[in-house]
Amino acid sequence: MKTIKNGIFNENPTFVLMLGLCPTLAVTNTFEGAYVMGLCVLTVLLITNFIVSIIKKLIPENVKIPVYILLITTAVTALDLLLKQYVPALHETLGIYLPLIAVNCIVLGRALSVASVSSVGKSLLDAIGIGLGFTLSLSLLGLFREVLGANTITVMDGISSFTGYHAVFQVFPENSIIPMTIFQKPAGAFLTLGLFLAFFNYIKEKRGAAK
């Protein structure tokens, strides 16, 4: 449990380690796109950490990184093909950022720093913690940006062809000042990330001062 908590809070990929910012800024204009991207990274982390922790003693040191990259790209390609087959609308929404998980520093970083030197159990717990931390941070950004930028919360739209359910909710009345469309644009992504980073750093400093 401590390992999972560490991945969500102390080593949160987005708000602490500042990794994987490309999809963080690109796909968080909707809540659905954000949490699905997070779950995709979580899935790839679980697969690669599991395999790396099993084969770590069989891989020579000088070819370790190429082998791990091959494992990651294989997992990402399989996931990309599955989403393209079963949820094509969402696959199109995520676009190039889905295959770019293969070069996400989070995935290779955890394979090298944790899975290659740890047991299978610890590697899987680390993948869950880091993956959940990434998913929760993206979901938070996506929720904030969509509510303020589009006045909606998209829970199921692109994945409705798979689940059979469609869920998009309006948040504020039509005559309110929302939506503020800047939050749906790239500038809004940077602004939102900056606001959350400032908020969490403030909380961290307050907790440190209280000790």
N, C-alpha and C. Protein backbone atom coordinates (compact mmCIF):
# COMPACT_ATOMS: atom_id res chain seq x y z
N MET A 1 0.83 -1.20 0.00
CA MET A 1 0.00 0.00 0.00
C MET A 1 0.86 1.26 0.00
N LYS A 2 1.99 1.19 0.71
CA LYS A 2 2.89 2.33 0.77
C LYS A 2 3.45 2.65 -0.61
N THR A 3 3.74 1.60 -1.40
CA THR A 3 4.27 1.79 -2.75
C THR A 3 3.24 2.47 -3.64
N ILE A 4 1.99 2.06 -3.54
CA ILE A 4 0.93 2.66 -4.35
C ILE A 4 0.72 4.12 -3.94
N LYS A 5 0.67 4.38 -2.64
CA LYS A 5 0.51 5.75 -2.15
C LYS A 5 1.65 6.65 -2.60
N ASN A 6 2.86 6.09 -2.64
CA ASN A 6 4.02 6.85 -3.08
C ASN A 6 3.87 7.29 -4.54
N GLY A 7 3.35 6.40 -5.38
CA GLY A 7 3.17 6.73 -6.79
C GLY A 7 2.09 7.77 -7.01
N ILE A 8 1.09 7.79 -6.13
CA ILE A 8 -0.01 8.75 -6.29
C ILE A 8 0.36 10.13 -5.77
N PHE A 9 1.09 10.16 -4.65
CA PHE A 9 1.37 11.44 -3.99
C PHE A 9 2.84 11.87 -4.12
N ASN A 10 3.74 11.13 -3.47
CA ASN A 10 5.14 11.57 -3.38
C ASN A 10 5.87 11.59 -4.71
N GLU A 11 5.52 10.66 -5.61
CA GLU A 11 6.16 10.61 -6.93
C GLU A 11 5.12 10.71 -8.04
N ASN A 12 4.13 11.54 -7.83
CA ASN A 12 3.10 11.72 -8.87
C ASN A 12 3.78 12.14 -10.17
N PRO A 13 3.55 11.42 -11.26
CA PRO A 13 4.26 11.70 -12.51
C PRO A 13 4.05 13.12 -13.04
N THR A 14 2.86 13.67 -12.85
CA THR A 14 2.54 14.98 -13.41
C THR A 14 2.89 16.12 -12.47
N PHE A 15 2.41 16.05 -11.25
CA PHE A 15 2.53 17.19 -10.34
C PHE A 15 3.82 17.21 -9.53
N VAL A 16 4.56 16.09 -9.51
CA VAL A 16 5.82 16.04 -8.75
C VAL A 16 7.01 15.80 -9.67
N LEU A 17 6.98 14.70 -10.44
CA LEU A 17 8.09 14.36 -11.31
C LEU A 17 8.09 15.15 -12.62
N MET A 18 6.94 15.72 -12.99
CA MET A 18 6.80 16.51 -14.22
C MET A 18 7.18 15.70 -15.46
N LEU A 19 6.68 14.46 -15.51
CA LEU A 19 6.93 13.59 -16.66
C LEU A 19 5.65 13.37 -17.44
N GLY A 20 5.78 12.96 -18.69
CA GLY A 20 4.61 12.68 -19.51
C GLY A 20 3.76 13.90 -19.79
N LEU A 21 4.39 15.07 -19.91
CA LEU A 21 3.62 16.30 -20.07
C LEU A 21 3.01 16.47 -21.46
N CYS A 22 3.52 15.75 -22.45
CA CYS A 22 2.97 15.86 -23.80
C CYS A 22 1.50 15.43 -23.83
N PRO A 23 1.14 14.20 -23.40
CA PRO A 23 -0.29 13.85 -23.35
C PRO A 23 -1.04 14.64 -22.29
N THR A 24 -0.35 15.03 -21.22
CA THR A 24 -1.00 15.81 -20.16
C THR A 24 -1.58 17.09 -20.73
N LEU A 25 -0.85 17.74 -21.60
CA LEU A 25 -1.31 19.00 -22.17
C LEU A 25 -2.21 18.80 -23.39
N ALA A 26 -2.06 17.67 -24.08
CA ALA A 26 -2.75 17.49 -25.36
C ALA A 26 -4.13 16.86 -25.25
N VAL A 27 -4.35 15.93 -24.34
CA VAL A 27 -5.61 15.17 -24.35
C VAL A 27 -6.51 15.47 -23.15
N THR A 28 -6.17 16.48 -22.37
CA THR A 28 -6.97 16.78 -21.18
C THR A 28 -8.04 17.85 -21.42
N ASN A 29 -8.41 18.05 -22.69
CA ASN A 29 -9.51 19.00 -22.94
C ASN A 29 -10.87 18.38 -22.66
N THR A 30 -10.91 17.05 -22.47
CA THR A 30 -12.14 16.40 -22.00
C THR A 30 -11.79 15.43 -20.88
N PHE A 31 -12.73 15.21 -19.99
CA PHE A 31 -12.54 14.29 -18.89
C PHE A 31 -12.33 12.87 -19.40
N GLU A 32 -13.10 12.49 -20.42
CA GLU A 32 -13.00 11.13 -20.96
C GLU A 32 -11.62 10.89 -21.58
N GLY A 33 -11.17 11.80 -22.42
CA GLY A 33 -9.86 11.64 -23.04
C GLY A 33 -8.75 11.54 -22.01
N ALA A 34 -8.90 12.32 -20.92
CA ALA A 34 -7.87 12.34 -19.87
C ALA A 34 -7.81 11.01 -19.13
N TYR A 35 -8.95 10.53 -18.66
CA TYR A 35 -8.88 9.30 -17.85
C TYR A 35 -8.58 8.07 -18.71
N VAL A 36 -9.01 8.06 -19.96
CA VAL A 36 -8.68 6.92 -20.83
C VAL A 36 -7.18 6.89 -21.13
N MET A 37 -6.59 8.05 -21.39
CA MET A 37 -5.15 8.09 -21.61
C MET A 37 -4.40 7.61 -20.37
N GLY A 38 -4.86 8.04 -19.20
CA GLY A 38 -4.25 7.58 -17.95
C GLY A 38 -4.34 6.08 -17.79
N LEU A 39 -5.49 5.51 -18.10
CA LEU A 39 -5.68 4.06 -17.99
C LEU A 39 -4.82 3.31 -19.00
N CYS A 40 -4.61 3.90 -20.18
CA CYS A 40 -3.74 3.28 -21.18
C CYS A 40 -2.30 3.21 -20.67
N VAL A 41 -1.83 4.30 -20.08
CA VAL A 41 -0.47 4.32 -19.53
C VAL A 41 -0.37 3.33 -18.37
N LEU A 42 -1.40 3.26 -17.53
CA LEU A 42 -1.42 2.30 -16.43
C LEU A 42 -1.31 0.87 -16.96
N THR A 43 -2.04 0.56 -18.02
CA THR A 43 -2.01 -0.78 -18.61
C THR A 43 -0.62 -1.12 -19.14
N VAL A 44 -0.01 -0.18 -19.85
CA VAL A 44 1.33 -0.41 -20.39
C VAL A 44 2.35 -0.57 -19.26
N LEU A 45 2.21 0.23 -18.21
CA LEU A 45 3.10 0.11 -17.06
C LEU A 45 3.01 -1.28 -16.42
N LEU A 46 1.79 -1.76 -16.24
CA LEU A 46 1.59 -3.08 -15.64
C LEU A 46 2.24 -4.17 -16.49
N ILE A 47 2.01 -4.12 -17.79
CA ILE A 47 2.55 -5.15 -18.69
C ILE A 47 4.07 -5.13 -18.69
N THR A 48 4.65 -3.95 -18.90
CA THR A 48 6.11 -3.85 -19.02
C THR A 48 6.82 -4.11 -17.69
N ASN A 49 6.30 -3.57 -16.60
CA ASN A 49 6.94 -3.82 -15.31
C ASN A 49 6.91 -5.31 -14.96
N PHE A 50 5.80 -5.95 -15.28
CA PHE A 50 5.67 -7.38 -15.00
C PHE A 50 6.70 -8.19 -15.78
N ILE A 51 6.78 -7.94 -17.08
CA ILE A 51 7.69 -8.71 -17.93
C ILE A 51 9.15 -8.40 -17.58
N VAL A 52 9.46 -7.11 -17.40
CA VAL A 52 10.83 -6.72 -17.09
C VAL A 52 11.30 -7.36 -15.78
N SER A 53 10.43 -7.37 -14.77
CA SER A 53 10.82 -7.95 -13.48
C SER A 53 11.07 -9.45 -13.57
N ILE A 54 10.45 -10.11 -14.55
CA ILE A 54 10.64 -11.55 -14.73
C ILE A 54 11.93 -11.85 -15.49
N ILE A 55 12.22 -11.07 -16.53
CA ILE A 55 13.36 -11.38 -17.40
C ILE A 55 14.61 -10.59 -17.07
N LYS A 56 14.60 -9.78 -16.02
CA LYS A 56 15.70 -8.85 -15.75
C LYS A 56 17.07 -9.54 -15.65
N LYS A 57 17.11 -10.75 -15.12
CA LYS A 57 18.38 -11.45 -14.95
C LYS A 57 18.86 -12.11 -16.25
N LEU A 58 17.98 -12.17 -17.23
CA LEU A 58 18.34 -12.81 -18.49
C LEU A 58 18.88 -11.82 -19.52
N ILE A 59 18.71 -10.53 -19.26
CA ILE A 59 19.08 -9.50 -20.24
C ILE A 59 20.46 -8.93 -19.90
N PRO A 60 21.41 -9.02 -20.82
CA PRO A 60 22.74 -8.42 -20.60
C PRO A 60 22.63 -6.90 -20.40
N GLU A 61 23.49 -6.35 -19.60
CA GLU A 61 23.44 -4.93 -19.27
C GLU A 61 23.54 -4.04 -20.50
N ASN A 62 24.35 -4.42 -21.47
CA ASN A 62 24.59 -3.55 -22.63
C ASN A 62 23.43 -3.49 -23.62
N VAL A 63 22.44 -4.40 -23.49
CA VAL A 63 21.28 -4.36 -24.39
C VAL A 63 19.97 -4.18 -23.60
N LYS A 64 20.11 -3.82 -22.35
CA LYS A 64 18.94 -3.71 -21.49
C LYS A 64 17.93 -2.68 -22.00
N ILE A 65 18.40 -1.49 -22.31
CA ILE A 65 17.49 -0.43 -22.74
C ILE A 65 16.79 -0.77 -24.06
N PRO A 66 17.52 -1.25 -25.10
CA PRO A 66 16.82 -1.62 -26.34
C PRO A 66 15.75 -2.70 -26.14
N VAL A 67 16.04 -3.68 -25.29
CA VAL A 67 15.07 -4.75 -25.03
C VAL A 67 13.84 -4.19 -24.33
N TYR A 68 14.04 -3.33 -23.35
CA TYR A 68 12.91 -2.74 -22.63
C TYR A 68 12.06 -1.87 -23.56
N ILE A 69 12.73 -1.13 -24.43
CA ILE A 69 11.99 -0.29 -25.39
C ILE A 69 11.17 -1.16 -26.34
N LEU A 70 11.74 -2.29 -26.76
CA LEU A 70 11.00 -3.22 -27.62
C LEU A 70 9.76 -3.75 -26.91
N LEU A 71 9.89 -4.10 -25.64
CA LEU A 71 8.75 -4.58 -24.87
C LEU A 71 7.67 -3.51 -24.76
N ILE A 72 8.10 -2.29 -24.49
CA ILE A 72 7.14 -1.18 -24.34
C ILE A 72 6.40 -0.92 -25.64
N THR A 73 7.14 -0.85 -26.75
CA THR A 73 6.50 -0.56 -28.04
C THR A 73 5.55 -1.68 -28.46
N THR A 74 5.89 -2.92 -28.11
CA THR A 74 5.00 -4.04 -28.41
C THR A 74 3.68 -3.91 -27.65
N ALA A 75 3.78 -3.59 -26.36
CA ALA A 75 2.57 -3.41 -25.54
C ALA A 75 1.73 -2.25 -26.05
N VAL A 76 2.39 -1.15 -26.40
CA VAL A 76 1.67 0.03 -26.89
C VAL A 76 0.99 -0.26 -28.22
N THR A 77 1.68 -0.95 -29.11
CA THR A 77 1.10 -1.29 -30.42
C THR A 77 -0.13 -2.19 -30.26
N ALA A 78 -0.04 -3.18 -29.37
CA ALA A 78 -1.19 -4.06 -29.13
C ALA A 78 -2.38 -3.25 -28.58
N LEU A 79 -2.11 -2.34 -27.64
CA LEU A 79 -3.17 -1.51 -27.08
C LEU A 79 -3.76 -0.59 -28.14
N ASP A 80 -2.91 -0.03 -28.97
CA ASP A 80 -3.37 0.86 -30.05
C ASP A 80 -4.29 0.13 -31.01
N LEU A 81 -3.94 -1.09 -31.38
CA LEU A 81 -4.76 -1.88 -32.30
C LEU A 81 -6.11 -2.27 -31.66
N LEU A 82 -6.09 -2.58 -30.38
CA LEU A 82 -7.34 -2.94 -29.68
C LEU A 82 -8.30 -1.75 -29.63
N LEU A 83 -7.77 -0.57 -29.29
CA LEU A 83 -8.63 0.62 -29.23
C LEU A 83 -9.15 0.99 -30.63
N LYS A 84 -8.31 0.84 -31.62
CA LYS A 84 -8.73 1.15 -32.99
C LYS A 84 -9.85 0.23 -33.44
N GLN A 85 -9.81 -1.03 -32.99
CA GLN A 85 -10.81 -2.00 -33.37
C GLN A 85 -12.13 -1.80 -32.64
N TYR A 86 -12.06 -1.56 -31.33
CA TYR A 86 -13.28 -1.57 -30.51
C TYR A 86 -13.82 -0.19 -30.15
N VAL A 87 -12.97 0.82 -30.10
CA VAL A 87 -13.46 2.18 -29.80
C VAL A 87 -12.80 3.17 -30.77
N PRO A 88 -13.16 3.07 -32.06
CA PRO A 88 -12.48 3.89 -33.08
C PRO A 88 -12.63 5.40 -32.87
N ALA A 89 -13.78 5.83 -32.34
CA ALA A 89 -13.98 7.26 -32.12
C ALA A 89 -12.99 7.79 -31.08
N LEU A 90 -12.84 7.06 -30.00
CA LEU A 90 -11.89 7.48 -28.96
C LEU A 90 -10.46 7.35 -29.45
N HIS A 91 -10.19 6.31 -30.23
CA HIS A 91 -8.87 6.12 -30.80
C HIS A 91 -8.48 7.31 -31.65
N GLU A 92 -9.43 7.82 -32.41
CA GLU A 92 -9.18 8.99 -33.26
C GLU A 92 -8.97 10.24 -32.41
N THR A 93 -9.70 10.35 -31.30
CA THR A 93 -9.55 11.51 -30.41
C THR A 93 -8.16 11.54 -29.78
N LEU A 94 -7.70 10.40 -29.31
CA LEU A 94 -6.38 10.34 -28.68
C LEU A 94 -5.27 10.53 -29.72
N GLY A 95 -5.53 10.11 -30.94
CA GLY A 95 -4.63 10.37 -32.05
C GLY A 95 -3.21 9.86 -31.84
N ILE A 96 -2.25 10.70 -32.23
CA ILE A 96 -0.84 10.32 -32.19
C ILE A 96 -0.34 10.13 -30.77
N TYR A 97 -1.05 10.70 -29.79
CA TYR A 97 -0.57 10.63 -28.41
C TYR A 97 -0.71 9.24 -27.80
N LEU A 98 -1.53 8.39 -28.41
CA LEU A 98 -1.63 7.01 -27.94
C LEU A 98 -0.37 6.22 -28.28
N PRO A 99 0.08 6.16 -29.54
CA PRO A 99 1.33 5.45 -29.83
C PRO A 99 2.55 6.11 -29.19
N LEU A 100 2.45 7.42 -28.88
CA LEU A 100 3.58 8.10 -28.24
C LEU A 100 3.80 7.67 -26.80
N ILE A 101 2.89 6.84 -26.25
CA ILE A 101 3.14 6.26 -24.93
C ILE A 101 4.44 5.47 -24.96
N ALA A 102 4.78 4.96 -26.14
CA ALA A 102 6.01 4.16 -26.28
C ALA A 102 7.25 4.94 -25.90
N VAL A 103 7.22 6.26 -26.05
CA VAL A 103 8.39 7.08 -25.70
C VAL A 103 8.13 7.91 -24.45
N ASN A 104 7.10 7.57 -23.71
CA ASN A 104 6.80 8.27 -22.47
C ASN A 104 7.87 7.95 -21.43
N CYS A 105 8.48 8.97 -20.87
CA CYS A 105 9.57 8.77 -19.90
C CYS A 105 9.10 8.00 -18.67
N ILE A 106 7.83 8.09 -18.35
CA ILE A 106 7.31 7.40 -17.16
C ILE A 106 7.51 5.89 -17.30
N VAL A 107 7.14 5.35 -18.46
CA VAL A 107 7.15 3.90 -18.65
C VAL A 107 8.57 3.34 -18.63
N LEU A 108 9.45 3.90 -19.45
CA LEU A 108 10.83 3.42 -19.48
C LEU A 108 11.52 3.70 -18.15
N GLY A 109 11.23 4.84 -17.55
CA GLY A 109 11.84 5.20 -16.28
C GLY A 109 11.53 4.20 -15.18
N ARG A 110 10.27 3.77 -15.09
CA ARG A 110 9.91 2.79 -14.04
C ARG A 110 10.48 1.41 -14.34
N ALA A 111 10.58 1.08 -15.63
CA ALA A 111 11.19 -0.20 -15.99
C ALA A 111 12.65 -0.25 -15.56
N LEU A 112 13.37 0.85 -15.76
CA LEU A 112 14.79 0.90 -15.43
C LEU A 112 15.04 1.05 -13.93
N SER A 113 14.28 1.93 -13.29
CA SER A 113 14.57 2.27 -11.89
C SER A 113 13.93 1.31 -10.89
N VAL A 114 12.84 0.63 -11.29
CA VAL A 114 12.12 -0.22 -10.34
C VAL A 114 12.07 -1.67 -10.81
N ALA A 115 11.43 -1.91 -11.95
CA ALA A 115 11.18 -3.29 -12.38
C ALA A 115 12.46 -4.09 -12.62
N SER A 116 13.51 -3.41 -13.10
CA SER A 116 14.75 -4.12 -13.41
C SER A 116 15.57 -4.47 -12.18
N VAL A 117 15.16 -3.97 -11.01
CA VAL A 117 15.91 -4.26 -9.78
C VAL A 117 15.01 -4.75 -8.65
N SER A 118 13.73 -5.01 -8.95
CA SER A 118 12.79 -5.36 -7.89
C SER A 118 12.07 -6.67 -8.20
N SER A 119 11.36 -7.17 -7.20
CA SER A 119 10.57 -8.39 -7.37
C SER A 119 9.34 -8.10 -8.23
N VAL A 120 8.69 -9.16 -8.66
CA VAL A 120 7.48 -9.02 -9.47
C VAL A 120 6.40 -8.26 -8.69
N GLY A 121 6.22 -8.62 -7.43
CA GLY A 121 5.18 -7.98 -6.63
C GLY A 121 5.40 -6.50 -6.47
N LYS A 122 6.63 -6.10 -6.12
CA LYS A 122 6.92 -4.67 -5.95
C LYS A 122 6.81 -3.93 -7.27
N SER A 123 7.22 -4.56 -8.36
CA SER A 123 7.14 -3.93 -9.68
C SER A 123 5.69 -3.65 -10.07
N LEU A 124 4.80 -4.61 -9.80
CA LEU A 124 3.39 -4.43 -10.12
C LEU A 124 2.76 -3.35 -9.23
N LEU A 125 3.12 -3.33 -7.96
CA LEU A 125 2.60 -2.29 -7.06
C LEU A 125 3.08 -0.91 -7.48
N ASP A 126 4.33 -0.83 -7.92
CA ASP A 126 4.86 0.45 -8.41
C ASP A 126 4.11 0.89 -9.66
N ALA A 127 3.84 -0.04 -10.57
CA ALA A 127 3.10 0.28 -11.79
C ALA A 127 1.70 0.78 -11.45
N ILE A 128 1.05 0.14 -10.49
CA ILE A 128 -0.29 0.56 -10.08
C ILE A 128 -0.25 1.96 -9.48
N GLY A 129 0.72 2.20 -8.59
CA GLY A 129 0.82 3.50 -7.94
C GLY A 129 1.10 4.62 -8.92
N ILE A 130 2.12 4.45 -9.75
CA ILE A 130 2.47 5.47 -10.73
C ILE A 130 1.36 5.65 -11.76
N GLY A 131 0.78 4.53 -12.20
CA GLY A 131 -0.31 4.60 -13.18
C GLY A 131 -1.54 5.30 -12.64
N LEU A 132 -1.89 4.99 -11.39
CA LEU A 132 -3.04 5.67 -10.77
C LEU A 132 -2.74 7.14 -10.55
N GLY A 133 -1.50 7.44 -10.13
CA GLY A 133 -1.13 8.85 -9.95
C GLY A 133 -1.25 9.63 -11.25
N PHE A 134 -0.81 9.03 -12.35
CA PHE A 134 -0.90 9.68 -13.66
C PHE A 134 -2.36 9.81 -14.10
N THR A 135 -3.14 8.75 -13.89
CA THR A 135 -4.56 8.78 -14.29
C THR A 135 -5.33 9.82 -13.50
N LEU A 136 -5.12 9.87 -12.20
CA LEU A 136 -5.84 10.83 -11.36
C LEU A 136 -5.46 12.26 -11.70
N SER A 137 -4.18 12.51 -11.95
CA SER A 137 -3.76 13.88 -12.28
C SER A 137 -4.32 14.31 -13.63
N LEU A 138 -4.29 13.43 -14.62
CA LEU A 138 -4.88 13.75 -15.92
C LEU A 138 -6.38 13.96 -15.80
N SER A 139 -7.04 13.11 -15.03
CA SER A 139 -8.50 13.23 -14.86
C SER A 139 -8.87 14.55 -14.21
N LEU A 140 -8.08 14.96 -13.23
CA LEU A 140 -8.33 16.23 -12.55
C LEU A 140 -8.18 17.41 -13.51
N LEU A 141 -7.12 17.38 -14.29
CA LEU A 141 -6.91 18.43 -15.29
C LEU A 141 -8.00 18.43 -16.34
N GLY A 142 -8.37 17.23 -16.82
CA GLY A 142 -9.40 17.11 -17.84
C GLY A 142 -10.75 17.59 -17.34
N LEU A 143 -11.09 17.24 -16.12
CA LEU A 143 -12.37 17.67 -15.54
C LEU A 143 -12.42 19.19 -15.43
N PHE A 144 -11.35 19.77 -14.90
CA PHE A 144 -11.28 21.23 -14.73
C PHE A 144 -11.37 21.95 -16.07
N ARG A 145 -10.60 21.49 -17.05
CA ARG A 145 -10.58 22.16 -18.35
C ARG A 145 -11.91 22.01 -19.09
N GLU A 146 -12.51 20.84 -19.02
CA GLU A 146 -13.77 20.64 -19.75
C GLU A 146 -14.91 21.42 -19.13
N VAL A 147 -15.00 21.41 -17.80
CA VAL A 147 -16.08 22.14 -17.14
C VAL A 147 -15.99 23.63 -17.44
N LEU A 148 -14.79 24.20 -17.30
CA LEU A 148 -14.64 25.64 -17.52
C LEU A 148 -14.60 26.00 -19.01
N GLY A 149 -14.09 25.10 -19.83
CA GLY A 149 -13.92 25.42 -21.24
C GLY A 149 -15.07 25.03 -22.14
N ALA A 150 -15.88 24.03 -21.72
CA ALA A 150 -16.98 23.57 -22.58
C ALA A 150 -18.31 23.46 -21.84
N ASN A 151 -18.30 23.66 -20.51
CA ASN A 151 -19.51 23.57 -19.70
C ASN A 151 -20.13 22.17 -19.74
N THR A 152 -19.27 21.17 -19.90
CA THR A 152 -19.75 19.79 -19.93
C THR A 152 -18.81 18.88 -19.13
N ILE A 153 -19.30 17.70 -18.81
CA ILE A 153 -18.45 16.63 -18.29
C ILE A 153 -18.72 15.41 -19.15
N THR A 154 -17.73 15.01 -19.93
CA THR A 154 -17.86 13.86 -20.82
C THR A 154 -17.34 12.62 -20.11
N VAL A 155 -18.26 11.78 -19.68
CA VAL A 155 -17.88 10.54 -19.00
C VAL A 155 -17.74 9.41 -20.01
N MET A 156 -18.74 9.30 -20.90
CA MET A 156 -18.69 8.28 -21.95
C MET A 156 -19.23 8.87 -23.24
N ASP A 157 -18.36 9.01 -24.21
CA ASP A 157 -18.76 9.47 -25.53
C ASP A 157 -18.03 8.63 -26.58
N GLY A 158 -16.71 8.78 -26.64
CA GLY A 158 -15.93 7.99 -27.58
C GLY A 158 -15.97 6.49 -27.31
N ILE A 159 -16.12 6.13 -26.02
CA ILE A 159 -16.15 4.70 -25.68
C ILE A 159 -17.58 4.15 -25.64
N SER A 160 -18.56 4.98 -26.02
CA SER A 160 -19.95 4.52 -25.98
C SER A 160 -20.22 3.38 -26.96
N SER A 161 -19.44 3.31 -28.05
CA SER A 161 -19.62 2.22 -29.01
C SER A 161 -19.25 0.87 -28.40
N PHE A 162 -18.41 0.92 -27.36
CA PHE A 162 -17.99 -0.31 -26.68
C PHE A 162 -18.87 -0.59 -25.46
N THR A 163 -19.16 0.44 -24.68
CA THR A 163 -19.92 0.23 -23.44
C THR A 163 -21.42 0.20 -23.66
N GLY A 164 -21.89 0.85 -24.73
CA GLY A 164 -23.33 0.93 -24.96
C GLY A 164 -24.01 2.07 -24.22
N TYR A 165 -23.21 2.87 -23.50
CA TYR A 165 -23.75 4.00 -22.75
C TYR A 165 -23.14 5.30 -23.24
N HIS A 166 -23.95 6.36 -23.21
CA HIS A 166 -23.49 7.69 -23.61
C HIS A 166 -23.79 8.64 -22.46
N ALA A 167 -22.76 9.28 -21.94
CA ALA A 167 -22.94 10.15 -20.78
C ALA A 167 -22.13 11.42 -20.93
N VAL A 168 -22.83 12.50 -21.30
CA VAL A 168 -22.25 13.85 -21.37
C VAL A 168 -23.20 14.78 -20.64
N PHE A 169 -22.69 15.46 -19.62
CA PHE A 169 -23.55 16.28 -18.77
C PHE A 169 -23.19 17.76 -18.87
N GLN A 170 -24.23 18.59 -18.92
CA GLN A 170 -24.02 20.04 -18.84
C GLN A 170 -23.93 20.42 -17.36
N VAL A 171 -23.02 21.34 -17.04
CA VAL A 171 -22.75 21.68 -15.65
C VAL A 171 -23.48 22.95 -15.23
N PHE A 172 -23.26 24.04 -15.93
CA PHE A 172 -23.84 25.33 -15.58
C PHE A 172 -24.98 25.70 -16.53
N PRO A 173 -25.88 26.59 -16.11
CA PRO A 173 -26.97 27.04 -17.00
C PRO A 173 -26.43 27.70 -18.25
N GLU A 174 -27.27 27.75 -19.27
CA GLU A 174 -26.87 28.29 -20.56
C GLU A 174 -26.43 29.75 -20.48
N ASN A 175 -27.05 30.53 -19.61
CA ASN A 175 -26.78 31.97 -19.57
C ASN A 175 -25.65 32.36 -18.63
N SER A 176 -24.86 31.38 -18.16
CA SER A 176 -23.75 31.69 -17.26
C SER A 176 -22.53 32.13 -18.06
N ILE A 177 -21.50 32.58 -17.34
CA ILE A 177 -20.28 33.03 -18.02
C ILE A 177 -19.44 31.86 -18.54
N ILE A 178 -19.80 30.68 -18.10
CA ILE A 178 -19.15 29.46 -18.59
C ILE A 178 -19.88 29.03 -19.86
N PRO A 179 -19.18 28.61 -20.94
CA PRO A 179 -17.77 28.23 -20.98
C PRO A 179 -16.83 29.39 -21.29
N MET A 180 -15.60 29.26 -20.78
CA MET A 180 -14.49 30.15 -21.13
C MET A 180 -13.57 29.34 -22.02
N THR A 181 -13.70 29.56 -23.32
CA THR A 181 -13.10 28.65 -24.31
C THR A 181 -11.58 28.59 -24.26
N ILE A 182 -10.94 29.54 -23.58
CA ILE A 182 -9.48 29.49 -23.50
C ILE A 182 -9.01 28.19 -22.84
N PHE A 183 -9.83 27.62 -21.95
CA PHE A 183 -9.42 26.40 -21.26
C PHE A 183 -9.44 25.18 -22.18
N GLN A 184 -10.03 25.30 -23.36
CA GLN A 184 -10.03 24.21 -24.33
C GLN A 184 -8.85 24.32 -25.29
N LYS A 185 -8.11 25.40 -25.20
CA LYS A 185 -7.00 25.65 -26.11
C LYS A 185 -5.66 25.29 -25.44
N PRO A 186 -4.58 25.19 -26.24
CA PRO A 186 -3.27 24.87 -25.66
C PRO A 186 -2.86 25.80 -24.52
N ALA A 187 -3.15 27.09 -24.68
CA ALA A 187 -2.81 28.03 -23.61
C ALA A 187 -3.54 27.68 -22.32
N GLY A 188 -4.78 27.21 -22.45
CA GLY A 188 -5.54 26.80 -21.28
C GLY A 188 -4.96 25.59 -20.59
N ALA A 189 -4.34 24.71 -21.39
CA ALA A 189 -3.69 23.53 -20.80
C ALA A 189 -2.51 23.94 -19.92
N PHE A 190 -1.68 24.85 -20.43
CA PHE A 190 -0.55 25.35 -19.65
C PHE A 190 -1.03 26.11 -18.42
N LEU A 191 -2.06 26.93 -18.59
CA LEU A 191 -2.60 27.71 -17.48
C LEU A 191 -3.13 26.79 -16.38
N THR A 192 -3.89 25.77 -16.77
CA THR A 192 -4.46 24.85 -15.80
C THR A 192 -3.38 24.07 -15.06
N LEU A 193 -2.39 23.58 -15.81
CA LEU A 193 -1.30 22.85 -15.17
C LEU A 193 -0.55 23.74 -14.18
N GLY A 194 -0.31 24.99 -14.59
CA GLY A 194 0.38 25.92 -13.71
C GLY A 194 -0.40 26.19 -12.44
N LEU A 195 -1.71 26.34 -12.55
CA LEU A 195 -2.55 26.58 -11.37
C LEU A 195 -2.51 25.41 -10.41
N PHE A 196 -2.60 24.21 -10.95
CA PHE A 196 -2.56 23.02 -10.08
C PHE A 196 -1.19 22.83 -9.43
N LEU A 197 -0.13 23.10 -10.19
CA LEU A 197 1.20 22.99 -9.61
C LEU A 197 1.39 23.99 -8.48
N ALA A 198 0.91 25.20 -8.69
CA ALA A 198 1.01 26.22 -7.64
C ALA A 198 0.21 25.81 -6.41
N PHE A 199 -0.96 25.26 -6.62
CA PHE A 199 -1.81 24.85 -5.51
C PHE A 199 -1.16 23.73 -4.69
N PHE A 200 -0.67 22.69 -5.39
CA PHE A 200 -0.09 21.56 -4.68
C PHE A 200 1.23 21.93 -4.01
N ASN A 201 2.01 22.82 -4.61
CA ASN A 201 3.24 23.29 -3.97
C ASN A 201 2.92 24.10 -2.71
N TYR A 202 1.85 24.87 -2.77
CA TYR A 202 1.42 25.64 -1.60
C TYR A 202 1.02 24.71 -0.46
N ILE A 203 0.25 23.67 -0.79
CA ILE A 203 -0.16 22.68 0.22
C ILE A 203 1.06 21.99 0.82
N LYS A 204 2.02 21.64 -0.04
CA LYS A 204 3.23 20.96 0.43
C LYS A 204 4.02 21.86 1.38
N GLU A 205 4.15 23.14 1.03
CA GLU A 205 4.87 24.07 1.89
C GLU A 205 4.17 24.28 3.22
N LYS A 206 2.84 24.35 3.19
CA LYS A 206 2.09 24.52 4.43
C LYS A 206 2.25 23.31 5.34
N ARG A 207 2.25 22.13 4.76
CA ARG A 207 2.43 20.92 5.56
C ARG A 207 3.84 20.85 6.13
N GLY A 208 4.83 21.28 5.34
CA GLY A 208 6.20 21.29 5.81
C GLY A 208 6.41 22.27 6.95
N ALA A 209 5.74 23.41 6.85
CA ALA A 209 5.86 24.42 7.91
C ALA A 209 5.17 23.99 9.19
N ALA A 210 4.14 23.16 9.06
CA ALA A 210 3.39 22.71 10.22
C ALA A 210 4.11 21.63 11.01
N LYS A 211 5.10 20.97 10.40
CA LYS A 211 5.81 19.89 11.09
C LYS A 211 6.85 20.44 12.07
